[in-house]
PDB file of N, CA and C in Angstrom:
ATOM      1  N   ILE A   1     -21.067  -5.766   9.162  1.00  0.00           N
ATOM      2  CA  ILE A   1     -20.085  -4.814   8.687  1.00  0.00           C
ATOM      3  C   ILE A   1     -18.834  -5.586   8.283  1.00  0.00           C
ATOM      4  N   ILE A   2     -18.349  -5.307   7.119  1.00  0.00           N
ATOM      5  CA  ILE A   2     -17.084  -5.870   6.663  1.00  0.00           C
ATOM      6  C   ILE A   2     -16.090  -4.718   6.613  1.00  0.00           C
ATOM      7  N   ALA A   3     -15.081  -4.769   7.474  1.00  0.00           N
ATOM      8  CA  ALA A   3     -14.157  -3.649   7.587  1.00  0.00           C
ATOM      9  C   ALA A   3     -12.806  -3.905   6.935  1.00  0.00           C
ATOM     10  N   GLY A   4     -12.441  -5.148   6.725  1.00  0.00           N
ATOM     11  CA  GLY A   4     -11.147  -5.447   6.121  1.00  0.00           C
ATOM     12  C   GLY A   4      -9.971  -5.122   7.020  1.00  0.00           C
ATOM     13  N   ILE A   5     -10.172  -5.176   8.324  1.00  0.00           N
ATOM     14  CA  ILE A   5      -9.100  -4.889   9.273  1.00  0.00           C
ATOM     15  C   ILE A   5      -8.178  -6.098   9.337  1.00  0.00           C
ATOM     16  N   LYS A   6      -6.891  -5.881   9.131  1.00  0.00           N
ATOM     17  CA  LYS A   6      -5.925  -6.986   9.078  1.00  0.00           C
ATOM     18  C   LYS A   6      -5.450  -7.421  10.460  1.00  0.00           C
ATOM     19  N   ASP A   7      -5.447  -6.520  11.426  1.00  0.00           N
ATOM     20  CA  ASP A   7      -4.999  -6.835  12.781  1.00  0.00           C
ATOM     21  C   ASP A   7      -6.184  -6.689  13.724  1.00  0.00           C
ATOM     22  N   ILE A   8      -6.536  -7.761  14.430  1.00  0.00           N
ATOM     23  CA  ILE A   8      -7.721  -7.745  15.283  1.00  0.00           C
ATOM     24  C   ILE A   8      -7.622  -6.704  16.395  1.00  0.00           C
ATOM     25  N   HIS A   9      -6.401  -6.331  16.773  1.00  0.00           N
ATOM     26  CA  HIS A   9      -6.227  -5.332  17.820  1.00  0.00           C
ATOM     27  C   HIS A   9      -6.354  -3.914  17.268  1.00  0.00           C
ATOM     28  N   GLY A  10      -6.533  -3.781  15.961  1.00  0.00           N
ATOM     29  CA  GLY A  10      -6.646  -2.474  15.338  1.00  0.00           C
ATOM     30  C   GLY A  10      -7.962  -1.775  15.610  1.00  0.00           C
ATOM     31  N   ALA A  11      -8.981  -2.513  15.991  1.00  0.00           N
ATOM     32  CA  ALA A  11     -10.285  -1.929  16.296  1.00  0.00           C
ATOM     33  C   ALA A  11     -10.879  -2.660  17.492  1.00  0.00           C
ATOM     34  N   PRO A  12     -10.592  -2.192  18.699  1.00  0.00           N
ATOM     35  CA  PRO A  12     -11.127  -2.865  19.881  1.00  0.00           C
ATOM     36  C   PRO A  12     -12.652  -2.791  19.939  1.00  0.00           C
ATOM     37  N   VAL A  13     -13.258  -3.688  20.684  1.00  0.00           N
ATOM     38  CA  VAL A  13     -14.711  -3.736  20.830  1.00  0.00           C
ATOM     39  C   VAL A  13     -15.218  -2.377  21.297  1.00  0.00           C
ATOM     40  N   GLY A  14     -16.204  -1.823  20.584  1.00  0.00           N
ATOM     41  CA  GLY A  14     -16.793  -0.539  20.944  1.00  0.00           C
ATOM     42  C   GLY A  14     -16.151   0.660  20.277  1.00  0.00           C
ATOM     43  N   ASP A  15     -15.084   0.463  19.519  1.00  0.00           N
ATOM     44  CA  ASP A  15     -14.390   1.566  18.864  1.00  0.00           C
ATOM     45  C   ASP A  15     -15.236   2.110  17.714  1.00  0.00           C
ATOM     46  N   THR A  16     -14.949   3.341  17.286  1.00  0.00           N
ATOM     47  CA  THR A  16     -15.661   3.985  16.191  1.00  0.00           C
ATOM     48  C   THR A  16     -15.018   3.606  14.863  1.00  0.00           C
ATOM     49  N   LEU A  17     -15.816   3.109  13.924  1.00  0.00           N
ATOM     50  CA  LEU A  17     -15.335   2.774  12.585  1.00  0.00           C
ATOM     51  C   LEU A  17     -15.771   3.874  11.625  1.00  0.00           C
ATOM     52  N   THR A  18     -14.894   4.219  10.674  1.00  0.00           N
ATOM     53  CA  THR A  18     -15.210   5.260   9.699  1.00  0.00           C
ATOM     54  C   THR A  18     -14.871   4.766   8.300  1.00  0.00           C
ATOM     55  N   LEU A  19     -15.268   5.540   7.320  1.00  0.00           N
ATOM     56  CA  LEU A  19     -14.884   5.262   5.939  1.00  0.00           C
ATOM     57  C   LEU A  19     -13.466   5.767   5.713  1.00  0.00           C
ATOM     58  N   SER A  20     -12.761   5.151   4.790  1.00  0.00           N
ATOM     59  CA  SER A  20     -11.396   5.604   4.498  1.00  0.00           C
ATOM     60  C   SER A  20     -11.403   7.011   3.902  1.00  0.00           C
ATOM     61  N   THR A  21     -12.520   7.413   3.314  1.00  0.00           N
ATOM     62  CA  THR A  21     -12.614   8.752   2.726  1.00  0.00           C
ATOM     63  C   THR A  21     -12.866   9.831   3.776  1.00  0.00           C
ATOM     64  N   THR A  22     -13.339   9.448   4.966  1.00  0.00           N
ATOM     65  CA  THR A  22     -13.597  10.410   6.044  1.00  0.00           C
ATOM     66  C   THR A  22     -13.034   9.878   7.366  1.00  0.00           C
ATOM     67  N   PRO A  23     -11.706   9.778   7.473  1.00  0.00           N
ATOM     68  CA  PRO A  23     -11.125   9.188   8.680  1.00  0.00           C
ATOM     69  C   PRO A  23     -11.138  10.098   9.909  1.00  0.00           C
ATOM     70  N   ASP A  24     -11.305  11.408   9.720  1.00  0.00           N
ATOM     71  CA  ASP A  24     -11.231  12.344  10.845  1.00  0.00           C
ATOM     72  C   ASP A  24     -12.618  12.686  11.376  1.00  0.00           C
ATOM     73  N   VAL A  25     -13.211  11.752  12.104  1.00  0.00           N
ATOM     74  CA  VAL A  25     -14.508  11.995  12.737  1.00  0.00           C
ATOM     75  C   VAL A  25     -14.324  11.914  14.245  1.00  0.00           C
ATOM     76  N   ASP A  26     -15.256  12.522  14.972  1.00  0.00           N
ATOM     77  CA  ASP A  26     -15.196  12.467  16.432  1.00  0.00           C
ATOM     78  C   ASP A  26     -15.547  11.068  16.913  1.00  0.00           C
ATOM     79  N   VAL A  27     -14.851  10.632  17.944  1.00  0.00           N
ATOM     80  CA  VAL A  27     -15.124   9.329  18.551  1.00  0.00           C
ATOM     81  C   VAL A  27     -16.485   9.395  19.236  1.00  0.00           C
ATOM     82  N   LEU A  28     -17.260   8.335  19.106  1.00  0.00           N
ATOM     83  CA  LEU A  28     -18.558   8.301  19.768  1.00  0.00           C
ATOM     84  C   LEU A  28     -18.362   8.360  21.280  1.00  0.00           C
ATOM     85  N   PRO A  29     -19.238   9.078  21.981  1.00  0.00           N
ATOM     86  CA  PRO A  29     -19.073   9.207  23.433  1.00  0.00           C
ATOM     87  C   PRO A  29     -19.285   7.868  24.143  1.00  0.00           C
ATOM     88  N   GLY A  30     -18.565   7.705  25.241  1.00  0.00           N
ATOM     89  CA  GLY A  30     -18.746   6.512  26.063  1.00  0.00           C
ATOM     90  C   GLY A  30     -17.796   5.374  25.770  1.00  0.00           C
ATOM     91  N   PHE A  31     -16.932   5.508  24.765  1.00  0.00           N
ATOM     92  CA  PHE A  31     -16.008   4.415  24.448  1.00  0.00           C
ATOM     93  C   PHE A  31     -14.944   4.292  25.520  1.00  0.00           C
ATOM     94  N   LYS A  32     -14.775   3.074  26.025  1.00  0.00           N
ATOM     95  CA  LYS A  32     -13.700   2.759  26.968  1.00  0.00           C
ATOM     96  C   LYS A  32     -13.131   1.407  26.575  1.00  0.00           C
ATOM     97  N   ARG A  33     -11.826   1.275  26.672  1.00  0.00           N
ATOM     98  CA  ARG A  33     -11.213  -0.027  26.401  1.00  0.00           C
ATOM     99  C   ARG A  33     -11.682  -1.029  27.444  1.00  0.00           C
ATOM    100  N   ILE A  34     -11.897  -2.252  26.988  1.00  0.00           N
ATOM    101  CA  ILE A  34     -12.330  -3.318  27.882  1.00  0.00           C
ATOM    102  C   ILE A  34     -11.191  -3.663  28.835  1.00  0.00           C
ATOM    103  N   GLN A  35     -11.512  -3.755  30.117  1.00  0.00           N
ATOM    104  CA  GLN A  35     -10.532  -4.157  31.121  1.00  0.00           C
ATOM    105  C   GLN A  35     -10.782  -5.611  31.500  1.00  0.00           C
ATOM    106  N   PRO A  36      -9.744  -6.444  31.488  1.00  0.00           N
ATOM    107  CA  PRO A  36      -9.933  -7.858  31.830  1.00  0.00           C
ATOM    108  C   PRO A  36     -10.458  -8.011  33.254  1.00  0.00           C
ATOM    109  N   GLN A  37     -11.378  -8.940  33.437  1.00  0.00           N
ATOM    110  CA  GLN A  37     -11.971  -9.174  34.746  1.00  0.00           C
ATOM    111  C   GLN A  37     -11.663 -10.564  35.283  1.00  0.00           C
ATOM    112  N   VAL A  38     -11.196 -11.451  34.435  1.00  0.00           N
ATOM    113  CA  VAL A  38     -10.858 -12.810  34.850  1.00  0.00           C
ATOM    114  C   VAL A  38      -9.357 -12.981  34.638  1.00  0.00           C
ATOM    115  N   TYR A  39      -8.682 -13.456  35.658  1.00  0.00           N
ATOM    116  CA  TYR A  39      -7.235 -13.629  35.579  1.00  0.00           C
ATOM    117  C   TYR A  39      -6.892 -15.098  35.793  1.00  0.00           C
ATOM    118  N   ALA A  40      -5.954 -15.595  35.026  1.00  0.00           N
ATOM    119  CA  ALA A  40      -5.532 -16.987  35.164  1.00  0.00           C
ATOM    120  C   ALA A  40      -4.097 -17.114  34.675  1.00  0.00           C
ATOM    121  N   GLY A  41      -3.388 -18.060  35.248  1.00  0.00           N
ATOM    122  CA  GLY A  41      -2.065 -18.422  34.763  1.00  0.00           C
ATOM    123  C   GLY A  41      -2.199 -19.701  33.961  1.00  0.00           C
ATOM    124  N   LEU A  42      -1.717 -19.695  32.729  1.00  0.00           N
ATOM    125  CA  LEU A  42      -1.829 -20.855  31.847  1.00  0.00           C
ATOM    126  C   LEU A  42      -0.434 -21.318  31.455  1.00  0.00           C
ATOM    127  N   PHE A  43      -0.162 -22.597  31.693  1.00  0.00           N
ATOM    128  CA  PHE A  43       1.152 -23.163  31.403  1.00  0.00           C
ATOM    129  C   PHE A  43       0.976 -24.481  30.671  1.00  0.00           C
ATOM    130  N   PRO A  44       1.777 -24.743  29.630  1.00  0.00           N
ATOM    131  CA  PRO A  44       1.698 -26.040  28.947  1.00  0.00           C
ATOM    132  C   PRO A  44       2.229 -27.144  29.868  1.00  0.00           C
ATOM    133  N   VAL A  45       1.740 -28.360  29.667  1.00  0.00           N
ATOM    134  CA  VAL A  45       2.176 -29.498  30.477  1.00  0.00           C
ATOM    135  C   VAL A  45       3.665 -29.743  30.267  1.00  0.00           C
ATOM    136  N   SER A  46       4.106 -29.640  29.024  1.00  0.00           N
ATOM    137  CA  SER A  46       5.518 -29.838  28.691  1.00  0.00           C
ATOM    138  C   SER A  46       6.077 -28.542  28.110  1.00  0.00           C
ATOM    139  N   SER A  47       7.292 -28.187  28.492  1.00  0.00           N
ATOM    140  CA  SER A  47       7.894 -26.958  27.954  1.00  0.00           C
ATOM    141  C   SER A  47       8.111 -27.050  26.445  1.00  0.00           C
ATOM    142  N   ASP A  48       8.152 -28.267  25.912  1.00  0.00           N
ATOM    143  CA  ASP A  48       8.286 -28.448  24.461  1.00  0.00           C
ATOM    144  C   ASP A  48       7.050 -27.963  23.711  1.00  0.00           C
ATOM    145  N   ASP A  49       5.919 -27.858  24.401  1.00  0.00           N
ATOM    146  CA  ASP A  49       4.655 -27.451  23.785  1.00  0.00           C
ATOM    147  C   ASP A  49       4.409 -25.947  23.862  1.00  0.00           C
ATOM    148  N   PHE A  50       5.371 -25.175  24.369  1.00  0.00           N
ATOM    149  CA  PHE A  50       5.157 -23.743  24.583  1.00  0.00           C
ATOM    150  C   PHE A  50       4.788 -23.009  23.296  1.00  0.00           C
ATOM    151  N   GLU A  51       5.514 -23.230  22.210  1.00  0.00           N
ATOM    152  CA  GLU A  51       5.238 -22.522  20.947  1.00  0.00           C
ATOM    153  C   GLU A  51       3.868 -22.899  20.391  1.00  0.00           C
ATOM    154  N   ASP A  52       3.505 -24.181  20.465  1.00  0.00           N
ATOM    155  CA  ASP A  52       2.176 -24.606  20.013  1.00  0.00           C
ATOM    156  C   ASP A  52       1.092 -23.958  20.868  1.00  0.00           C
ATOM    157  N   PHE A  53       1.351 -23.853  22.159  1.00  0.00           N
ATOM    158  CA  PHE A  53       0.401 -23.232  23.085  1.00  0.00           C
ATOM    159  C   PHE A  53       0.226 -21.750  22.756  1.00  0.00           C
ATOM    160  N   ARG A  54       1.339 -21.063  22.465  1.00  0.00           N
ATOM    161  CA  ARG A  54       1.285 -19.646  22.093  1.00  0.00           C
ATOM    162  C   ARG A  54       0.477 -19.452  20.815  1.00  0.00           C
ATOM    163  N   GLU A  55       0.701 -20.312  19.826  1.00  0.00           N
ATOM    164  CA  GLU A  55      -0.048 -20.224  18.570  1.00  0.00           C
ATOM    165  C   GLU A  55      -1.532 -20.492  18.796  1.00  0.00           C
ATOM    166  N   ALA A  56      -1.859 -21.414  19.682  1.00  0.00           N
ATOM    167  CA  ALA A  56      -3.263 -21.702  19.990  1.00  0.00           C
ATOM    168  C   ALA A  56      -3.930 -20.491  20.640  1.00  0.00           C
ATOM    169  N   LEU A  57      -3.218 -19.800  21.526  1.00  0.00           N
ATOM    170  CA  LEU A  57      -3.772 -18.593  22.139  1.00  0.00           C
ATOM    171  C   LEU A  57      -3.975 -17.494  21.098  1.00  0.00           C
ATOM    172  N   GLN A  58      -3.051 -17.368  20.151  1.00  0.00           N
ATOM    173  CA  GLN A  58      -3.206 -16.374  19.084  1.00  0.00           C
ATOM    174  C   GLN A  58      -4.450 -16.664  18.249  1.00  0.00           C
ATOM    175  N   LYS A  59      -4.692 -17.930  17.942  1.00  0.00           N
ATOM    176  CA  LYS A  59      -5.884 -18.302  17.170  1.00  0.00           C
ATOM    177  C   LYS A  59      -7.150 -18.044  17.969  1.00  0.00           C
ATOM    178  N   LEU A  60      -7.102 -18.308  19.273  1.00  0.00           N
ATOM    179  CA  LEU A  60      -8.262 -18.052  20.123  1.00  0.00           C
ATOM    180  C   LEU A  60      -8.572 -16.563  20.171  1.00  0.00           C
ATOM    181  N   THR A  61      -7.548 -15.733  20.147  1.00  0.00           N
ATOM    182  CA  THR A  61      -7.737 -14.283  20.149  1.00  0.00           C
ATOM    183  C   THR A  61      -8.464 -13.812  18.892  1.00  0.00           C
ATOM    184  N   LEU A  62      -8.290 -14.514  17.777  1.00  0.00           N
ATOM    185  CA  LEU A  62      -9.005 -14.150  16.549  1.00  0.00           C
ATOM    186  C   LEU A  62     -10.509 -14.310  16.719  1.00  0.00           C
ATOM    187  N   ASN A  63     -10.939 -15.262  17.538  1.00  0.00           N
ATOM    188  CA  ASN A  63     -12.364 -15.490  17.777  1.00  0.00           C
ATOM    189  C   ASN A  63     -12.917 -14.626  18.898  1.00  0.00           C
ATOM    190  N   ASP A  64     -12.084 -14.202  19.822  1.00  0.00           N
ATOM    191  CA  ASP A  64     -12.533 -13.415  20.968  1.00  0.00           C
ATOM    192  C   ASP A  64     -11.519 -12.309  21.221  1.00  0.00           C
ATOM    193  N   SER A  65     -11.790 -11.126  20.686  1.00  0.00           N
ATOM    194  CA  SER A  65     -10.823 -10.033  20.784  1.00  0.00           C
ATOM    195  C   SER A  65     -10.700  -9.481  22.197  1.00  0.00           C
ATOM    196  N   SER A  66     -11.583  -9.884  23.109  1.00  0.00           N
ATOM    197  CA  SER A  66     -11.460  -9.416  24.486  1.00  0.00           C
ATOM    198  C   SER A  66     -10.404 -10.203  25.259  1.00  0.00           C
ATOM    199  N   LEU A  67      -9.927 -11.312  24.698  1.00  0.00           N
ATOM    200  CA  LEU A  67      -8.890 -12.113  25.344  1.00  0.00           C
ATOM    201  C   LEU A  67      -7.557 -11.374  25.287  1.00  0.00           C
ATOM    202  N   GLN A  68      -6.963 -11.191  26.442  1.00  0.00           N
ATOM    203  CA  GLN A  68      -5.654 -10.552  26.532  1.00  0.00           C
ATOM    204  C   GLN A  68      -4.740 -11.466  27.330  1.00  0.00           C
ATOM    205  N   TYR A  69      -3.502 -11.614  26.890  1.00  0.00           N
ATOM    206  CA  TYR A  69      -2.557 -12.448  27.620  1.00  0.00           C
ATOM    207  C   TYR A  69      -1.149 -11.882  27.501  1.00  0.00           C
ATOM    208  N   LEU A  70      -0.344 -12.178  28.501  1.00  0.00           N
ATOM    209  CA  LEU A  70       1.046 -11.741  28.544  1.00  0.00           C
ATOM    210  C   LEU A  70       1.926 -12.929  28.902  1.00  0.00           C
ATOM    211  N   PRO A  71       3.162 -12.971  28.390  1.00  0.00           N
ATOM    212  CA  PRO A  71       4.070 -14.052  28.778  1.00  0.00           C
ATOM    213  C   PRO A  71       4.386 -13.975  30.271  1.00  0.00           C
ATOM    214  N   GLU A  72       4.560 -15.135  30.870  1.00  0.00           N
ATOM    215  CA  GLU A  72       4.873 -15.215  32.291  1.00  0.00           C
ATOM    216  C   GLU A  72       5.793 -16.409  32.498  1.00  0.00           C
ATOM    217  N   SER A  73       6.653 -16.345  33.486  1.00  0.00           N
ATOM    218  CA  SER A  73       7.484 -17.509  33.802  1.00  0.00           C
ATOM    219  C   SER A  73       7.410 -17.784  35.295  1.00  0.00           C
ATOM    220  N   SER A  74       7.517 -19.045  35.610  1.00  0.00           N
ATOM    221  CA  SER A  74       7.451 -19.498  36.992  1.00  0.00           C
ATOM    222  C   SER A  74       8.590 -20.487  37.216  1.00  0.00           C
ATOM    223  N   ASP A  75       9.234 -20.396  38.366  1.00  0.00           N
ATOM    224  CA  ASP A  75      10.303 -21.351  38.679  1.00  0.00           C
ATOM    225  C   ASP A  75       9.769 -22.777  38.705  1.00  0.00           C
ATOM    226  N   ALA A  76       8.552 -22.948  39.186  1.00  0.00           N
ATOM    227  CA  ALA A  76       7.978 -24.290  39.316  1.00  0.00           C
ATOM    228  C   ALA A  76       7.331 -24.786  38.025  1.00  0.00           C
ATOM    229  N   LEU A  77       6.690 -23.874  37.260  1.00  0.00           N
ATOM    230  CA  LEU A  77       5.898 -24.295  36.102  1.00  0.00           C
ATOM    231  C   LEU A  77       6.556 -24.001  34.758  1.00  0.00           C
ATOM    232  N   GLY A  78       7.582 -23.176  34.739  1.00  0.00           N
ATOM    233  CA  GLY A  78       8.240 -22.833  33.481  1.00  0.00           C
ATOM    234  C   GLY A  78       7.585 -21.639  32.805  1.00  0.00           C
ATOM    235  N   PHE A  79       7.639 -21.624  31.479  1.00  0.00           N
ATOM    236  CA  PHE A  79       7.079 -20.512  30.711  1.00  0.00           C
ATOM    237  C   PHE A  79       5.607 -20.755  30.421  1.00  0.00           C
ATOM    238  N   GLY A  80       4.831 -19.669  30.502  1.00  0.00           N
ATOM    239  CA  GLY A  80       3.404 -19.750  30.230  1.00  0.00           C
ATOM    240  C   GLY A  80       2.857 -18.357  29.971  1.00  0.00           C
ATOM    241  N   PHE A  81       1.578 -18.181  30.250  1.00  0.00           N
ATOM    242  CA  PHE A  81       0.907 -16.904  30.003  1.00  0.00           C
ATOM    243  C   PHE A  81      -0.039 -16.595  31.146  1.00  0.00           C
ATOM    244  N   ARG A  82      -0.304 -15.303  31.340  1.00  0.00           N
ATOM    245  CA  ARG A  82      -1.321 -14.887  32.302  1.00  0.00           C
ATOM    246  C   ARG A  82      -2.269 -13.937  31.624  1.00  0.00           C
TER     247      ARG A  82
END
């Protein structure tokens, strides 16, 4: 299926896709948003690498839409993601 979706978060895994000519259809039964099951804190070795690290996570999300991350900061480790 080629959908032409510009934002990967616009159609989560399992969501119902429709034609642009018929956008008002009922959602297929059983759809639930994926809930993360693995948790980790990720921090760059150097704080100078934070922006490069953020961009790398964004690129990884393009390949795996189930990847979810949020910014996090630690007094000991600095800025990172969880």
